[in-house]
Amino acid sequence: MPSIGGSDDNVVFVGKKGVMDYAMAIMAQFSKGTSDVVVKARGHSISRAVDAVEATRNRYLTDMKVTDIKIGTEEMEGKRGDMINVSWIELFISGPESDRTE
């Protein structure tokens, strides 16, 4: 996945845990005062990342918005030493406080 610049403070990396674990991680990022969160996943975890964002948006933070989605494929070395293609996704979401103007 391409680097998004800056630190990974506002990034939730999705792996093999349950969807609600990642939904809680997204909500924790917003409760720390972050206005934008990036949810990243690769391969089989892509659907879990989408489910976590949608669960958060539909159940808990109804004013949260998906501002951008980036997808792609990167070439990696597989377990047997061969090169394989792995898909990735980055979901950019903004919370309610990012809509306010000061």
N, C-alpha and C. Protein backbone atom coordinates (compact mmCIF):
# COMPACT_ATOMS: atom_id res chain seq x y z
N MET A 1 0.83 -1.18 0.00
CA MET A 1 0.00 0.00 0.00
C MET A 1 0.87 1.24 0.00
N PRO A 2 0.49 2.23 -0.72
CA PRO A 2 1.29 3.44 -0.73
C PRO A 2 1.22 4.15 0.61
N SER A 3 2.26 4.84 0.95
CA SER A 3 2.29 5.59 2.20
C SER A 3 1.44 6.83 2.06
N ILE A 4 0.70 7.18 3.12
CA ILE A 4 -0.19 8.34 3.05
C ILE A 4 0.45 9.58 3.63
N GLY A 5 1.71 9.53 3.93
CA GLY A 5 2.39 10.71 4.46
C GLY A 5 2.06 10.92 5.92
N GLY A 6 2.98 11.45 6.65
CA GLY A 6 2.77 11.67 8.08
C GLY A 6 2.89 10.37 8.84
N SER A 7 2.33 10.36 10.04
CA SER A 7 2.44 9.18 10.88
C SER A 7 1.21 8.30 10.73
N ASP A 8 1.25 7.14 11.38
CA ASP A 8 0.14 6.20 11.34
C ASP A 8 -0.79 6.38 12.54
N ASP A 9 -0.79 7.57 13.15
CA ASP A 9 -1.61 7.81 14.33
C ASP A 9 -3.10 7.68 14.05
N ASN A 10 -3.53 8.03 12.86
CA ASN A 10 -4.95 8.00 12.54
C ASN A 10 -5.31 6.84 11.62
N VAL A 11 -4.53 5.77 11.65
CA VAL A 11 -4.73 4.63 10.75
C VAL A 11 -5.17 3.41 11.55
N VAL A 12 -6.18 2.71 11.04
CA VAL A 12 -6.61 1.43 11.60
C VAL A 12 -6.27 0.37 10.57
N PHE A 13 -5.37 -0.54 10.93
CA PHE A 13 -4.98 -1.64 10.04
C PHE A 13 -5.89 -2.84 10.34
N VAL A 14 -6.57 -3.34 9.33
CA VAL A 14 -7.52 -4.44 9.51
C VAL A 14 -6.83 -5.75 9.17
N GLY A 15 -7.01 -6.73 10.06
CA GLY A 15 -6.42 -8.04 9.87
C GLY A 15 -7.44 -9.14 10.09
N LYS A 16 -7.16 -10.04 11.03
CA LYS A 16 -7.99 -11.23 11.21
C LYS A 16 -8.95 -11.17 12.39
N LYS A 17 -8.95 -10.09 13.14
CA LYS A 17 -9.88 -9.97 14.28
C LYS A 17 -11.30 -9.79 13.77
N GLY A 18 -12.25 -9.75 14.70
CA GLY A 18 -13.65 -9.58 14.33
C GLY A 18 -13.95 -8.16 13.88
N VAL A 19 -15.03 -8.03 13.14
CA VAL A 19 -15.44 -6.73 12.60
C VAL A 19 -15.63 -5.71 13.71
N MET A 20 -16.26 -6.11 14.81
CA MET A 20 -16.55 -5.15 15.88
C MET A 20 -15.28 -4.66 16.57
N ASP A 21 -14.22 -5.44 16.57
CA ASP A 21 -12.94 -4.98 17.12
C ASP A 21 -12.45 -3.77 16.33
N TYR A 22 -12.59 -3.83 15.03
CA TYR A 22 -12.14 -2.72 14.18
C TYR A 22 -13.10 -1.54 14.23
N ALA A 23 -14.40 -1.82 14.38
CA ALA A 23 -15.37 -0.74 14.56
C ALA A 23 -15.05 0.03 15.84
N MET A 24 -14.71 -0.68 16.90
CA MET A 24 -14.33 -0.03 18.16
C MET A 24 -13.03 0.76 18.01
N ALA A 25 -12.10 0.25 17.23
CA ALA A 25 -10.85 0.97 16.99
C ALA A 25 -11.10 2.27 16.23
N ILE A 26 -12.02 2.24 15.28
CA ILE A 26 -12.38 3.45 14.55
C ILE A 26 -13.00 4.47 15.50
N MET A 27 -13.92 4.01 16.33
CA MET A 27 -14.57 4.92 17.28
C MET A 27 -13.56 5.47 18.29
N ALA A 28 -12.59 4.65 18.69
CA ALA A 28 -11.56 5.11 19.62
C ALA A 28 -10.72 6.22 19.00
N GLN A 29 -10.43 6.10 17.71
CA GLN A 29 -9.67 7.15 17.03
C GLN A 29 -10.44 8.47 17.06
N PHE A 30 -11.73 8.42 16.79
CA PHE A 30 -12.53 9.64 16.80
C PHE A 30 -12.69 10.19 18.21
N SER A 31 -12.76 9.32 19.21
CA SER A 31 -12.91 9.80 20.59
C SER A 31 -11.63 10.46 21.10
N LYS A 32 -10.48 10.15 20.48
CA LYS A 32 -9.22 10.82 20.84
C LYS A 32 -9.12 12.21 20.24
N GLY A 33 -10.10 12.60 19.44
CA GLY A 33 -10.10 13.92 18.85
C GLY A 33 -9.63 13.97 17.42
N THR A 34 -9.35 12.82 16.82
CA THR A 34 -8.96 12.78 15.42
C THR A 34 -10.16 13.10 14.54
N SER A 35 -9.98 13.95 13.55
CA SER A 35 -11.10 14.30 12.68
C SER A 35 -11.19 13.40 11.46
N ASP A 36 -10.08 12.78 11.08
CA ASP A 36 -10.05 11.88 9.92
C ASP A 36 -9.33 10.60 10.29
N VAL A 37 -9.86 9.48 9.82
CA VAL A 37 -9.27 8.16 10.07
C VAL A 37 -9.13 7.44 8.74
N VAL A 38 -8.05 6.69 8.59
CA VAL A 38 -7.83 5.87 7.40
C VAL A 38 -7.88 4.41 7.84
N VAL A 39 -8.71 3.63 7.18
CA VAL A 39 -8.82 2.20 7.45
C VAL A 39 -8.15 1.49 6.28
N LYS A 40 -7.13 0.67 6.59
CA LYS A 40 -6.36 -0.01 5.55
C LYS A 40 -6.48 -1.52 5.70
N ALA A 41 -6.53 -2.21 4.56
CA ALA A 41 -6.56 -3.67 4.57
C ALA A 41 -5.99 -4.21 3.27
N ARG A 42 -5.56 -5.48 3.33
CA ARG A 42 -5.06 -6.17 2.14
C ARG A 42 -5.72 -7.54 2.04
N GLY A 43 -5.82 -8.02 0.82
CA GLY A 43 -6.25 -9.40 0.58
C GLY A 43 -7.63 -9.72 1.13
N HIS A 44 -7.70 -10.83 1.86
CA HIS A 44 -8.97 -11.32 2.40
C HIS A 44 -9.56 -10.40 3.46
N SER A 45 -8.79 -9.48 3.99
CA SER A 45 -9.27 -8.58 5.04
C SER A 45 -10.02 -7.37 4.48
N ILE A 46 -10.06 -7.22 3.16
CA ILE A 46 -10.72 -6.06 2.56
C ILE A 46 -12.20 -6.04 2.93
N SER A 47 -12.88 -7.17 2.82
CA SER A 47 -14.31 -7.18 3.14
C SER A 47 -14.55 -6.88 4.61
N ARG A 48 -13.65 -7.32 5.47
CA ARG A 48 -13.76 -7.03 6.91
C ARG A 48 -13.60 -5.53 7.18
N ALA A 49 -12.71 -4.88 6.44
CA ALA A 49 -12.52 -3.43 6.59
C ALA A 49 -13.78 -2.68 6.17
N VAL A 50 -14.36 -3.07 5.05
CA VAL A 50 -15.59 -2.42 4.58
C VAL A 50 -16.71 -2.66 5.59
N ASP A 51 -16.83 -3.87 6.10
CA ASP A 51 -17.86 -4.18 7.09
C ASP A 51 -17.68 -3.35 8.36
N ALA A 52 -16.43 -3.16 8.80
CA ALA A 52 -16.16 -2.38 10.02
C ALA A 52 -16.56 -0.92 9.83
N VAL A 53 -16.23 -0.35 8.68
CA VAL A 53 -16.59 1.04 8.40
C VAL A 53 -18.11 1.18 8.31
N GLU A 54 -18.76 0.27 7.62
CA GLU A 54 -20.21 0.34 7.48
C GLU A 54 -20.92 0.11 8.81
N ALA A 55 -20.43 -0.81 9.63
CA ALA A 55 -21.03 -1.04 10.94
C ALA A 55 -20.89 0.21 11.81
N THR A 56 -19.74 0.84 11.77
CA THR A 56 -19.53 2.07 12.53
C THR A 56 -20.44 3.17 12.03
N ARG A 57 -20.54 3.32 10.74
CA ARG A 57 -21.34 4.40 10.15
C ARG A 57 -22.84 4.18 10.36
N ASN A 58 -23.30 2.95 10.28
CA ASN A 58 -24.73 2.68 10.38
C ASN A 58 -25.24 2.53 11.81
N ARG A 59 -24.38 2.06 12.73
CA ARG A 59 -24.84 1.79 14.09
C ARG A 59 -24.44 2.84 15.11
N TYR A 60 -23.25 3.41 14.97
CA TYR A 60 -22.71 4.22 16.06
C TYR A 60 -22.50 5.69 15.67
N LEU A 61 -21.78 5.94 14.62
CA LEU A 61 -21.47 7.32 14.22
C LEU A 61 -22.20 7.61 12.91
N THR A 62 -23.48 7.90 13.03
CA THR A 62 -24.30 8.04 11.82
C THR A 62 -23.93 9.26 10.98
N ASP A 63 -23.21 10.22 11.57
CA ASP A 63 -22.80 11.39 10.79
C ASP A 63 -21.37 11.26 10.26
N MET A 64 -20.78 10.08 10.40
CA MET A 64 -19.47 9.80 9.83
C MET A 64 -19.62 9.66 8.32
N LYS A 65 -18.63 10.15 7.56
CA LYS A 65 -18.69 10.09 6.11
C LYS A 65 -17.45 9.43 5.53
N VAL A 66 -17.65 8.64 4.49
CA VAL A 66 -16.53 8.10 3.73
C VAL A 66 -16.16 9.16 2.70
N THR A 67 -14.97 9.73 2.83
CA THR A 67 -14.57 10.84 1.96
C THR A 67 -13.81 10.39 0.73
N ASP A 68 -13.14 9.23 0.81
CA ASP A 68 -12.36 8.76 -0.33
C ASP A 68 -12.10 7.27 -0.17
N ILE A 69 -11.96 6.58 -1.27
CA ILE A 69 -11.61 5.16 -1.29
C ILE A 69 -10.52 4.98 -2.33
N LYS A 70 -9.42 4.36 -1.91
CA LYS A 70 -8.34 4.05 -2.85
C LYS A 70 -8.15 2.54 -2.86
N ILE A 71 -7.99 1.99 -4.07
CA ILE A 71 -7.75 0.56 -4.20
C ILE A 71 -6.57 0.34 -5.13
N GLY A 72 -5.96 -0.82 -4.99
CA GLY A 72 -4.84 -1.13 -5.86
C GLY A 72 -4.35 -2.55 -5.65
N THR A 73 -3.29 -2.86 -6.35
CA THR A 73 -2.66 -4.17 -6.26
C THR A 73 -1.15 -3.98 -6.15
N GLU A 74 -0.55 -4.73 -5.26
CA GLU A 74 0.90 -4.69 -5.16
C GLU A 74 1.45 -6.10 -5.31
N GLU A 75 2.65 -6.19 -5.82
CA GLU A 75 3.29 -7.48 -6.04
C GLU A 75 4.16 -7.79 -4.84
N MET A 76 3.97 -8.99 -4.28
CA MET A 76 4.73 -9.41 -3.10
C MET A 76 5.30 -10.81 -3.33
N GLU A 77 6.27 -11.14 -2.52
CA GLU A 77 6.82 -12.49 -2.59
C GLU A 77 5.96 -13.43 -1.77
N GLY A 78 5.53 -14.53 -2.40
CA GLY A 78 4.68 -15.51 -1.72
C GLY A 78 5.49 -16.44 -0.83
N LYS A 79 4.79 -17.36 -0.18
CA LYS A 79 5.42 -18.30 0.74
C LYS A 79 6.42 -19.21 0.05
N ARG A 80 6.19 -19.51 -1.23
CA ARG A 80 7.08 -20.39 -1.97
C ARG A 80 8.16 -19.64 -2.74
N GLY A 81 8.25 -18.34 -2.51
CA GLY A 81 9.26 -17.55 -3.19
C GLY A 81 8.82 -16.97 -4.52
N ASP A 82 7.61 -17.30 -4.95
CA ASP A 82 7.11 -16.76 -6.21
C ASP A 82 6.45 -15.40 -5.96
N MET A 83 6.27 -14.64 -7.01
CA MET A 83 5.65 -13.33 -6.89
C MET A 83 4.13 -13.46 -7.04
N ILE A 84 3.39 -12.84 -6.11
CA ILE A 84 1.93 -12.88 -6.15
C ILE A 84 1.39 -11.45 -6.09
N ASN A 85 0.19 -11.27 -6.62
CA ASN A 85 -0.48 -9.98 -6.56
C ASN A 85 -1.43 -9.97 -5.37
N VAL A 86 -1.35 -8.91 -4.58
CA VAL A 86 -2.21 -8.75 -3.41
C VAL A 86 -2.96 -7.43 -3.54
N SER A 87 -4.28 -7.49 -3.48
CA SER A 87 -5.09 -6.28 -3.54
C SER A 87 -5.08 -5.57 -2.20
N TRP A 88 -5.25 -4.23 -2.23
CA TRP A 88 -5.33 -3.45 -1.01
C TRP A 88 -6.41 -2.38 -1.16
N ILE A 89 -6.87 -1.88 0.00
CA ILE A 89 -7.86 -0.82 0.02
C ILE A 89 -7.53 0.15 1.14
N GLU A 90 -7.81 1.42 0.91
CA GLU A 90 -7.70 2.45 1.93
C GLU A 90 -9.03 3.20 1.94
N LEU A 91 -9.69 3.21 3.09
CA LEU A 91 -10.97 3.91 3.25
C LEU A 91 -10.72 5.14 4.10
N PHE A 92 -10.96 6.31 3.55
CA PHE A 92 -10.75 7.57 4.26
C PHE A 92 -12.10 8.01 4.81
N ILE A 93 -12.18 8.17 6.14
CA ILE A 93 -13.44 8.54 6.76
C ILE A 93 -13.24 9.78 7.63
N SER A 94 -14.27 10.60 7.67
CA SER A 94 -14.22 11.80 8.51
C SER A 94 -15.37 11.76 9.49
N GLY A 95 -15.08 12.26 10.68
CA GLY A 95 -16.07 12.27 11.75
C GLY A 95 -16.90 13.54 11.74
N PRO A 96 -17.80 13.64 12.69
CA PRO A 96 -18.70 14.80 12.72
C PRO A 96 -18.00 16.12 12.94
N GLU A 97 -16.90 16.14 13.69
CA GLU A 97 -16.23 17.40 13.99
C GLU A 97 -15.50 17.98 12.80
N SER A 98 -15.21 17.17 11.77
CA SER A 98 -14.49 17.68 10.61
C SER A 98 -15.41 18.50 9.70
N ASP A 99 -16.74 18.42 9.91
CA ASP A 99 -17.68 19.21 9.11
C ASP A 99 -17.84 20.62 9.65
N ARG A 100 -17.40 20.87 10.87
CA ARG A 100 -17.57 22.18 11.48
C ARG A 100 -16.56 23.16 10.95
N THR A 101 -16.97 24.40 10.82
CA THR A 101 -16.03 25.46 10.45
C THR A 101 -15.84 26.34 11.66
N GLU A 102 -14.61 26.73 11.88
CA GLU A 102 -14.30 27.54 13.07
C GLU A 102 -13.86 28.90 12.68
